[in-house]
Amino acid sequence: MDYKWVALSVTTIGVFMSSLDSNIVVIGLPTILQKLNASIVHGIWIITGYALNDGYPAGLSSVAWLIYTAGSGFIIWGLQFSTVGSLFCALSRTGTQLVIFRFLQGGGAALLTANSVAIITDAFSQRRARHGFGYEMMAMNLGAIVGLTLGGIMIPTFGWQSIFLINIPIGIFGTVWVTLRLKEISVKPVGQKFDYAGAILFASFNDDSAGSGGRRPLFPPQ
């Protein structure tokens, strides 16, 4: 298989998983709150906490990935955090526990999605890179559609825990696939320093909103 398609499969798995997790809880949230005897405040943070943690670390992790690892490390960490976070979400016994583990899940999603642009840009030619980005956007939208659909089907059929357990085989497959097939980027940045201020500003003003299919300013202009 041509390496550009391998790289694209890695990024689409990450983007699909992130979008799926953002949306799969929406339909079944009332049931989850009822089963956990949780409040509406817990419900708000179950959704918002994931989206906030998915968006804010993205600016930091994307720069750090390029400068310090330039390989598959952050992607593997993202898959592992998302998979472990999903398992803990399914094992939650209170609304507070679920909120905490959704934050963990969102942090994994940030590591998965933030570096996809760099991977696609490196793997595809300049003329073909737009095709890779297009496929990635399709995966994001598909994840939102599948998440909303599966949430409505799986919760009454298999219980609310199933919407988190479904991530475990995806995460295991993704980790093995990335470990075996993803290469380091062709040219590593040399002599560059981490732009802490720029990364924090980027993350602060570009929050990844759940189900938005894109990014929007965390502090929009008035």
C-alpha atoms as a PDB file:
ATOM      1  CA  MET A   1       0.000   0.000   0.000  1.00  0.00           C
ATOM      2  CA  ASP A   2       1.254   3.469  -0.900  1.00  0.00           C
ATOM      3  CA  TYR A   3       2.453   5.181   2.281  1.00  0.00           C
ATOM      4  CA  LYS A   4       0.245   8.236   1.784  1.00  0.00           C
ATOM      5  CA  TRP A   5      -2.815   6.023   2.196  1.00  0.00           C
ATOM      6  CA  VAL A   6      -1.313   4.457   5.305  1.00  0.00           C
ATOM      7  CA  ALA A   7      -0.792   7.936   6.768  1.00  0.00           C
ATOM      8  CA  LEU A   8      -4.314   8.946   5.775  1.00  0.00           C
ATOM      9  CA  SER A   9      -5.764   5.832   7.423  1.00  0.00           C
ATOM     10  CA  VAL A  10      -4.006   6.801  10.659  1.00  0.00           C
ATOM     11  CA  THR A  11      -5.368  10.352  10.655  1.00  0.00           C
ATOM     12  CA  THR A  12      -8.876   9.297   9.664  1.00  0.00           C
ATOM     13  CA  ILE A  13      -9.010   6.709  12.471  1.00  0.00           C
ATOM     14  CA  GLY A  14      -8.058   9.441  14.928  1.00  0.00           C
ATOM     15  CA  VAL A  15     -10.466  12.051  13.566  1.00  0.00           C
ATOM     16  CA  PHE A  16     -13.305   9.531  13.270  1.00  0.00           C
ATOM     17  CA  MET A  17     -12.765   8.314  16.838  1.00  0.00           C
ATOM     18  CA  SER A  18     -12.656  11.868  18.190  1.00  0.00           C
ATOM     19  CA  SER A  19     -15.841  12.914  16.385  1.00  0.00           C
ATOM     20  CA  LEU A  20     -17.609   9.687  17.356  1.00  0.00           C
ATOM     21  CA  ASP A  21     -16.827  10.224  21.033  1.00  0.00           C
ATOM     22  CA  SER A  22     -18.010  13.835  20.890  1.00  0.00           C
ATOM     23  CA  ASN A  23     -21.449  12.913  19.598  1.00  0.00           C
ATOM     24  CA  ILE A  24     -22.243   9.415  20.803  1.00  0.00           C
ATOM     25  CA  VAL A  25     -23.278  10.594  24.284  1.00  0.00           C
ATOM     26  CA  VAL A  26     -25.691  13.302  23.092  1.00  0.00           C
ATOM     27  CA  ILE A  27     -28.783  11.207  22.386  1.00  0.00           C
ATOM     28  CA  GLY A  28     -28.424   9.016  25.462  1.00  0.00           C
ATOM     29  CA  LEU A  29     -27.384  11.709  27.932  1.00  0.00           C
ATOM     30  CA  PRO A  30     -30.745  11.723  29.820  1.00  0.00           C
ATOM     31  CA  THR A  31     -30.480   7.952  30.289  1.00  0.00           C
ATOM     32  CA  ILE A  32     -26.868   8.210  31.486  1.00  0.00           C
ATOM     33  CA  LEU A  33     -27.762  10.898  34.018  1.00  0.00           C
ATOM     34  CA  GLN A  34     -30.683   8.835  35.269  1.00  0.00           C
ATOM     35  CA  LYS A  35     -28.622   5.654  35.652  1.00  0.00           C
ATOM     36  CA  LEU A  36     -25.839   7.480  37.497  1.00  0.00           C
ATOM     37  CA  ASN A  37     -28.243   9.611  39.529  1.00  0.00           C
ATOM     38  CA  ALA A  38     -26.335  12.633  38.218  1.00  0.00           C
ATOM     39  CA  SER A  39     -27.386  16.258  37.889  1.00  0.00           C
ATOM     40  CA  ILE A  40     -27.828  18.443  34.828  1.00  0.00           C
ATOM     41  CA  VAL A  41     -24.532  20.111  35.739  1.00  0.00           C
ATOM     42  CA  HIS A  42     -22.826  16.753  35.327  1.00  0.00           C
ATOM     43  CA  GLY A  43     -24.564  16.404  31.971  1.00  0.00           C
ATOM     44  CA  ILE A  44     -23.235  19.758  30.787  1.00  0.00           C
ATOM     45  CA  TRP A  45     -19.682  18.853  31.753  1.00  0.00           C
ATOM     46  CA  ILE A  46     -19.885  15.348  30.283  1.00  0.00           C
ATOM     47  CA  ILE A  47     -20.252  16.998  26.869  1.00  0.00           C
ATOM     48  CA  THR A  48     -18.472  20.323  27.355  1.00  0.00           C
ATOM     49  CA  GLY A  49     -15.518  18.866  29.268  1.00  0.00           C
ATOM     50  CA  TYR A  50     -14.698  16.545  26.396  1.00  0.00           C
ATOM     51  CA  ALA A  51     -14.929  19.303  23.799  1.00  0.00           C
ATOM     52  CA  LEU A  52     -12.897  21.744  25.896  1.00  0.00           C
ATOM     53  CA  ASN A  53     -10.121  19.275  26.611  1.00  0.00           C
ATOM     54  CA  ASP A  54     -10.135  18.121  22.983  1.00  0.00           C
ATOM     55  CA  GLY A  55      -9.665  21.677  21.766  1.00  0.00           C
ATOM     56  CA  TYR A  56      -7.334  23.404  24.213  1.00  0.00           C
ATOM     57  CA  PRO A  57      -4.373  20.969  24.244  1.00  0.00           C
ATOM     58  CA  ALA A  58      -4.498  20.752  20.451  1.00  0.00           C
ATOM     59  CA  GLY A  59      -2.458  23.881  19.870  1.00  0.00           C
ATOM     60  CA  LEU A  60       0.149  22.809  22.403  1.00  0.00           C
ATOM     61  CA  SER A  61       0.435  19.207  21.257  1.00  0.00           C
ATOM     62  CA  SER A  62       0.657  20.002  17.547  1.00  0.00           C
ATOM     63  CA  VAL A  63       3.739  22.180  17.999  1.00  0.00           C
ATOM     64  CA  ALA A  64       5.313  19.827  20.515  1.00  0.00           C
ATOM     65  CA  TRP A  65       4.805  16.851  18.203  1.00  0.00           C
ATOM     66  CA  LEU A  66       6.625  18.524  15.338  1.00  0.00           C
ATOM     67  CA  ILE A  67       9.540  19.743  17.431  1.00  0.00           C
ATOM     68  CA  TYR A  68      10.159  16.997  19.945  1.00  0.00           C
ATOM     69  CA  THR A  69       8.950  13.713  18.496  1.00  0.00           C
ATOM     70  CA  ALA A  70       8.307  14.116  14.772  1.00  0.00           C
ATOM     71  CA  GLY A  71       6.973  10.558  14.754  1.00  0.00           C
ATOM     72  CA  SER A  72       4.126   8.379  15.898  1.00  0.00           C
ATOM     73  CA  GLY A  73       4.512   8.988  19.637  1.00  0.00           C
ATOM     74  CA  PHE A  74       1.708  11.499  20.165  1.00  0.00           C
ATOM     75  CA  ILE A  75      -0.691   9.515  17.977  1.00  0.00           C
ATOM     76  CA  ILE A  76      -0.064   6.358  20.006  1.00  0.00           C
ATOM     77  CA  TRP A  77      -0.480   8.273  23.256  1.00  0.00           C
ATOM     78  CA  GLY A  78      -3.710   9.745  21.955  1.00  0.00           C
ATOM     79  CA  LEU A  79      -5.086   6.331  21.081  1.00  0.00           C
ATOM     80  CA  GLN A  80      -4.064   4.950  24.450  1.00  0.00           C
ATOM     81  CA  PHE A  81      -5.524   7.866  26.417  1.00  0.00           C
ATOM     82  CA  SER A  82      -8.774   7.661  24.440  1.00  0.00           C
ATOM     83  CA  THR A  83      -9.025   3.898  24.865  1.00  0.00           C
ATOM     84  CA  VAL A  84      -8.242   3.900  28.596  1.00  0.00           C
ATOM     85  CA  GLY A  85     -10.497   6.923  29.111  1.00  0.00           C
ATOM     86  CA  SER A  86     -13.324   5.113  27.336  1.00  0.00           C
ATOM     87  CA  LEU A  87     -12.872   2.058  29.557  1.00  0.00           C
ATOM     88  CA  PHE A  88     -12.962   4.189  32.713  1.00  0.00           C
ATOM     89  CA  CYS A  89     -16.026   6.036  31.411  1.00  0.00           C
ATOM     90  CA  ALA A  90     -17.823   2.706  31.076  1.00  0.00           C
ATOM     91  CA  LEU A  91     -16.794   1.778  34.632  1.00  0.00           C
ATOM     92  CA  SER A  92     -17.984   5.083  36.132  1.00  0.00           C
ATOM     93  CA  ARG A  93     -20.376   4.844  39.056  1.00  0.00           C
ATOM     94  CA  THR A  94     -21.090   8.539  39.582  1.00  0.00           C
ATOM     95  CA  GLY A  95     -21.573  11.592  37.423  1.00  0.00           C
ATOM     96  CA  THR A  96     -18.372  13.137  38.791  1.00  0.00           C
ATOM     97  CA  GLN A  97     -16.329  10.087  37.813  1.00  0.00           C
ATOM     98  CA  LEU A  98     -17.739  10.197  34.290  1.00  0.00           C
ATOM     99  CA  VAL A  99     -16.906  13.905  33.943  1.00  0.00           C
ATOM    100  CA  ILE A 100     -13.299  13.270  35.029  1.00  0.00           C
ATOM    101  CA  PHE A 101     -12.852  10.378  32.631  1.00  0.00           C
ATOM    102  CA  ARG A 102     -14.434  12.344  29.772  1.00  0.00           C
ATOM    103  CA  PHE A 103     -11.708  14.949  30.321  1.00  0.00           C
ATOM    104  CA  LEU A 104      -9.144  12.159  29.966  1.00  0.00           C
ATOM    105  CA  GLN A 105     -10.891  10.931  26.830  1.00  0.00           C
ATOM    106  CA  GLY A 106     -10.873  14.454  25.387  1.00  0.00           C
ATOM    107  CA  GLY A 107      -7.162  14.838  26.058  1.00  0.00           C
ATOM    108  CA  GLY A 108      -6.540  11.717  24.017  1.00  0.00           C
ATOM    109  CA  ALA A 109      -8.668  13.101  21.206  1.00  0.00           C
ATOM    110  CA  ALA A 110      -6.566  16.280  21.186  1.00  0.00           C
ATOM    111  CA  LEU A 111      -3.413  14.247  20.620  1.00  0.00           C
ATOM    112  CA  LEU A 112      -5.137  12.306  17.844  1.00  0.00           C
ATOM    113  CA  THR A 113      -6.489  15.214  15.824  1.00  0.00           C
ATOM    114  CA  ALA A 114      -4.018  18.044  16.357  1.00  0.00           C
ATOM    115  CA  ASN A 115      -1.188  16.512  14.359  1.00  0.00           C
ATOM    116  CA  SER A 116      -3.144  15.106  11.434  1.00  0.00           C
ATOM    117  CA  VAL A 117      -2.395  18.143   9.249  1.00  0.00           C
ATOM    118  CA  ALA A 118       1.357  17.632   9.664  1.00  0.00           C
ATOM    119  CA  ILE A 119       1.096  13.910   8.876  1.00  0.00           C
ATOM    120  CA  ILE A 120      -0.982  14.453   5.731  1.00  0.00           C
ATOM    121  CA  THR A 121       1.200  17.330   4.530  1.00  0.00           C
ATOM    122  CA  ASP A 122       4.298  15.166   4.883  1.00  0.00           C
ATOM    123  CA  ALA A 123       2.797  12.063   3.250  1.00  0.00           C
ATOM    124  CA  PHE A 124       1.036  13.728   0.305  1.00  0.00           C
ATOM    125  CA  SER A 125       2.497  15.885  -2.413  1.00  0.00           C
ATOM    126  CA  GLN A 126       1.649  19.574  -2.257  1.00  0.00           C
ATOM    127  CA  ARG A 127      -0.823  19.165  -5.108  1.00  0.00           C
ATOM    128  CA  ARG A 128      -2.535  16.137  -3.549  1.00  0.00           C
ATOM    129  CA  ALA A 129      -2.607  17.251   0.083  1.00  0.00           C
ATOM    130  CA  ARG A 130      -6.027  18.857  -0.357  1.00  0.00           C
ATOM    131  CA  HIS A 131      -7.437  15.423  -1.197  1.00  0.00           C
ATOM    132  CA  GLY A 132      -6.125  14.069   2.096  1.00  0.00           C
ATOM    133  CA  PHE A 133      -7.704  16.941   4.008  1.00  0.00           C
ATOM    134  CA  GLY A 134     -10.976  16.321   2.194  1.00  0.00           C
ATOM    135  CA  TYR A 135     -11.014  12.650   3.183  1.00  0.00           C
ATOM    136  CA  GLU A 136     -10.242  13.638   6.761  1.00  0.00           C
ATOM    137  CA  MET A 137     -13.201  16.032   6.860  1.00  0.00           C
ATOM    138  CA  MET A 138     -15.397  13.228   5.526  1.00  0.00           C
ATOM    139  CA  ALA A 139     -14.203  11.019   8.403  1.00  0.00           C
ATOM    140  CA  MET A 140     -15.019  13.771  10.899  1.00  0.00           C
ATOM    141  CA  ASN A 141     -18.560  14.211   9.590  1.00  0.00           C
ATOM    142  CA  LEU A 142     -19.058  10.454   9.349  1.00  0.00           C
ATOM    143  CA  GLY A 143     -17.969  10.091  12.974  1.00  0.00           C
ATOM    144  CA  ALA A 144     -20.601  12.645  14.024  1.00  0.00           C
ATOM    145  CA  ILE A 145     -23.351  10.871  12.072  1.00  0.00           C
ATOM    146  CA  VAL A 146     -22.365   7.394  13.266  1.00  0.00           C
ATOM    147  CA  GLY A 147     -21.999   8.638  16.847  1.00  0.00           C
ATOM    148  CA  LEU A 148     -25.480  10.131  17.002  1.00  0.00           C
ATOM    149  CA  THR A 149     -26.983   7.055  15.343  1.00  0.00           C
ATOM    150  CA  LEU A 150     -25.170   4.464  17.458  1.00  0.00           C
ATOM    151  CA  GLY A 151     -25.915   6.387  20.651  1.00  0.00           C
ATOM    152  CA  GLY A 152     -29.625   6.119  19.976  1.00  0.00           C
ATOM    153  CA  ILE A 153     -29.400   2.422  19.123  1.00  0.00           C
ATOM    154  CA  MET A 154     -26.859   1.021  21.562  1.00  0.00           C
ATOM    155  CA  ILE A 155     -27.977   2.599  24.841  1.00  0.00           C
ATOM    156  CA  PRO A 156     -31.492   1.073  24.918  1.00  0.00           C
ATOM    157  CA  THR A 157     -30.198  -2.192  23.441  1.00  0.00           C
ATOM    158  CA  PHE A 158     -26.917  -2.844  25.270  1.00  0.00           C
ATOM    159  CA  GLY A 159     -26.830  -0.251  28.055  1.00  0.00           C
ATOM    160  CA  TRP A 160     -25.133   3.132  28.302  1.00  0.00           C
ATOM    161  CA  GLN A 161     -21.712   1.596  28.985  1.00  0.00           C
ATOM    162  CA  SER A 162     -21.646   0.161  25.463  1.00  0.00           C
ATOM    163  CA  ILE A 163     -21.173   3.577  23.839  1.00  0.00           C
ATOM    164  CA  PHE A 164     -17.788   3.821  25.569  1.00  0.00           C
ATOM    165  CA  LEU A 165     -16.754   0.178  25.239  1.00  0.00           C
ATOM    166  CA  ILE A 166     -17.113   0.394  21.463  1.00  0.00           C
ATOM    167  CA  ASN A 167     -13.952   2.524  21.412  1.00  0.00           C
ATOM    168  CA  ILE A 168     -11.737  -0.183  22.881  1.00  0.00           C
ATOM    169  CA  PRO A 169     -11.358  -2.390  19.762  1.00  0.00           C
ATOM    170  CA  ILE A 170     -10.930   0.744  17.611  1.00  0.00           C
ATOM    171  CA  GLY A 171      -8.204   2.016  19.924  1.00  0.00           C
ATOM    172  CA  ILE A 172      -6.390  -1.332  20.054  1.00  0.00           C
ATOM    173  CA  PHE A 173      -6.441  -1.700  16.270  1.00  0.00           C
ATOM    174  CA  GLY A 174      -5.309   1.894  15.788  1.00  0.00           C
ATOM    175  CA  THR A 175      -2.409   1.523  18.220  1.00  0.00           C
ATOM    176  CA  VAL A 176      -1.134  -1.613  16.490  1.00  0.00           C
ATOM    177  CA  TRP A 177      -1.571  -0.053  13.031  1.00  0.00           C
ATOM    178  CA  VAL A 178       0.272   3.147  13.950  1.00  0.00           C
ATOM    179  CA  THR A 179       3.095   1.248  15.654  1.00  0.00           C
ATOM    180  CA  LEU A 180       3.664  -0.970  12.646  1.00  0.00           C
ATOM    181  CA  ARG A 181       3.104   1.411   9.744  1.00  0.00           C
ATOM    182  CA  LEU A 182       3.415   5.119  10.550  1.00  0.00           C
ATOM    183  CA  LYS A 183       6.815   6.610   9.729  1.00  0.00           C
ATOM    184  CA  GLU A 184       8.535   9.678  11.080  1.00  0.00           C
ATOM    185  CA  ILE A 185       8.086  12.833   9.060  1.00  0.00           C
ATOM    186  CA  SER A 186      10.636  13.182   6.264  1.00  0.00           C
ATOM    187  CA  VAL A 187      12.277  16.377   7.507  1.00  0.00           C
ATOM    188  CA  LYS A 188      12.615  17.066  11.203  1.00  0.00           C
ATOM    189  CA  PRO A 189      12.777  20.700  12.321  1.00  0.00           C
ATOM    190  CA  VAL A 190      16.250  21.511  13.591  1.00  0.00           C
ATOM    191  CA  GLY A 191      17.125  24.311  15.980  1.00  0.00           C
ATOM    192  CA  GLN A 192      13.535  25.394  16.561  1.00  0.00           C
ATOM    193  CA  LYS A 193      12.250  26.312  19.998  1.00  0.00           C
ATOM    194  CA  PHE A 194       8.805  25.651  21.369  1.00  0.00           C
ATOM    195  CA  ASP A 195       6.635  28.758  20.936  1.00  0.00           C
ATOM    196  CA  TYR A 196       4.784  28.586  24.250  1.00  0.00           C
ATOM    197  CA  ALA A 197       3.003  31.920  23.854  1.00  0.00           C
ATOM    198  CA  GLY A 198       1.898  31.195  20.293  1.00  0.00           C
ATOM    199  CA  ALA A 199       0.668  27.703  21.165  1.00  0.00           C
ATOM    200  CA  ILE A 200      -1.325  28.955  24.165  1.00  0.00           C
ATOM    201  CA  LEU A 201      -2.900  31.763  22.123  1.00  0.00           C
ATOM    202  CA  PHE A 202      -3.765  29.367  19.305  1.00  0.00           C
ATOM    203  CA  ALA A 203      -5.359  26.896  21.702  1.00  0.00           C
ATOM    204  CA  SER A 204      -7.237  29.644  23.568  1.00  0.00           C
ATOM    205  CA  PHE A 205      -8.845  31.197  20.514  1.00  0.00           C
ATOM    206  CA  ASN A 206      -9.545  27.990  18.579  1.00  0.00           C
ATOM    207  CA  ASP A 207     -11.702  25.625  20.574  1.00  0.00           C
ATOM    208  CA  ASP A 208     -12.799  22.366  18.922  1.00  0.00           C
ATOM    209  CA  SER A 209     -16.536  22.375  19.463  1.00  0.00           C
ATOM    210  CA  ALA A 210     -18.294  19.058  19.788  1.00  0.00           C
ATOM    211  CA  GLY A 211     -20.182  18.177  16.676  1.00  0.00           C
ATOM    212  CA  SER A 212     -19.231  21.382  14.904  1.00  0.00           C
ATOM    213  CA  GLY A 213     -17.280  19.697  12.154  1.00  0.00           C
ATOM    214  CA  GLY A 214     -14.561  22.312  12.524  1.00  0.00           C
ATOM    215  CA  ARG A 215     -13.018  24.885  14.791  1.00  0.00           C
ATOM    216  CA  ARG A 216     -14.443  28.130  16.104  1.00  0.00           C
ATOM    217  CA  PRO A 217     -12.996  30.816  18.385  1.00  0.00           C
ATOM    218  CA  LEU A 218     -13.245  30.079  22.083  1.00  0.00           C
ATOM    219  CA  PHE A 219     -13.631  33.845  22.639  1.00  0.00           C
ATOM    220  CA  PRO A 220     -15.495  35.063  19.534  1.00  0.00           C
ATOM    221  CA  PRO A 221     -15.351  38.777  18.701  1.00  0.00           C
ATOM    222  CA  GLN A 222     -18.316  40.797  19.964  1.00  0.00           C
END
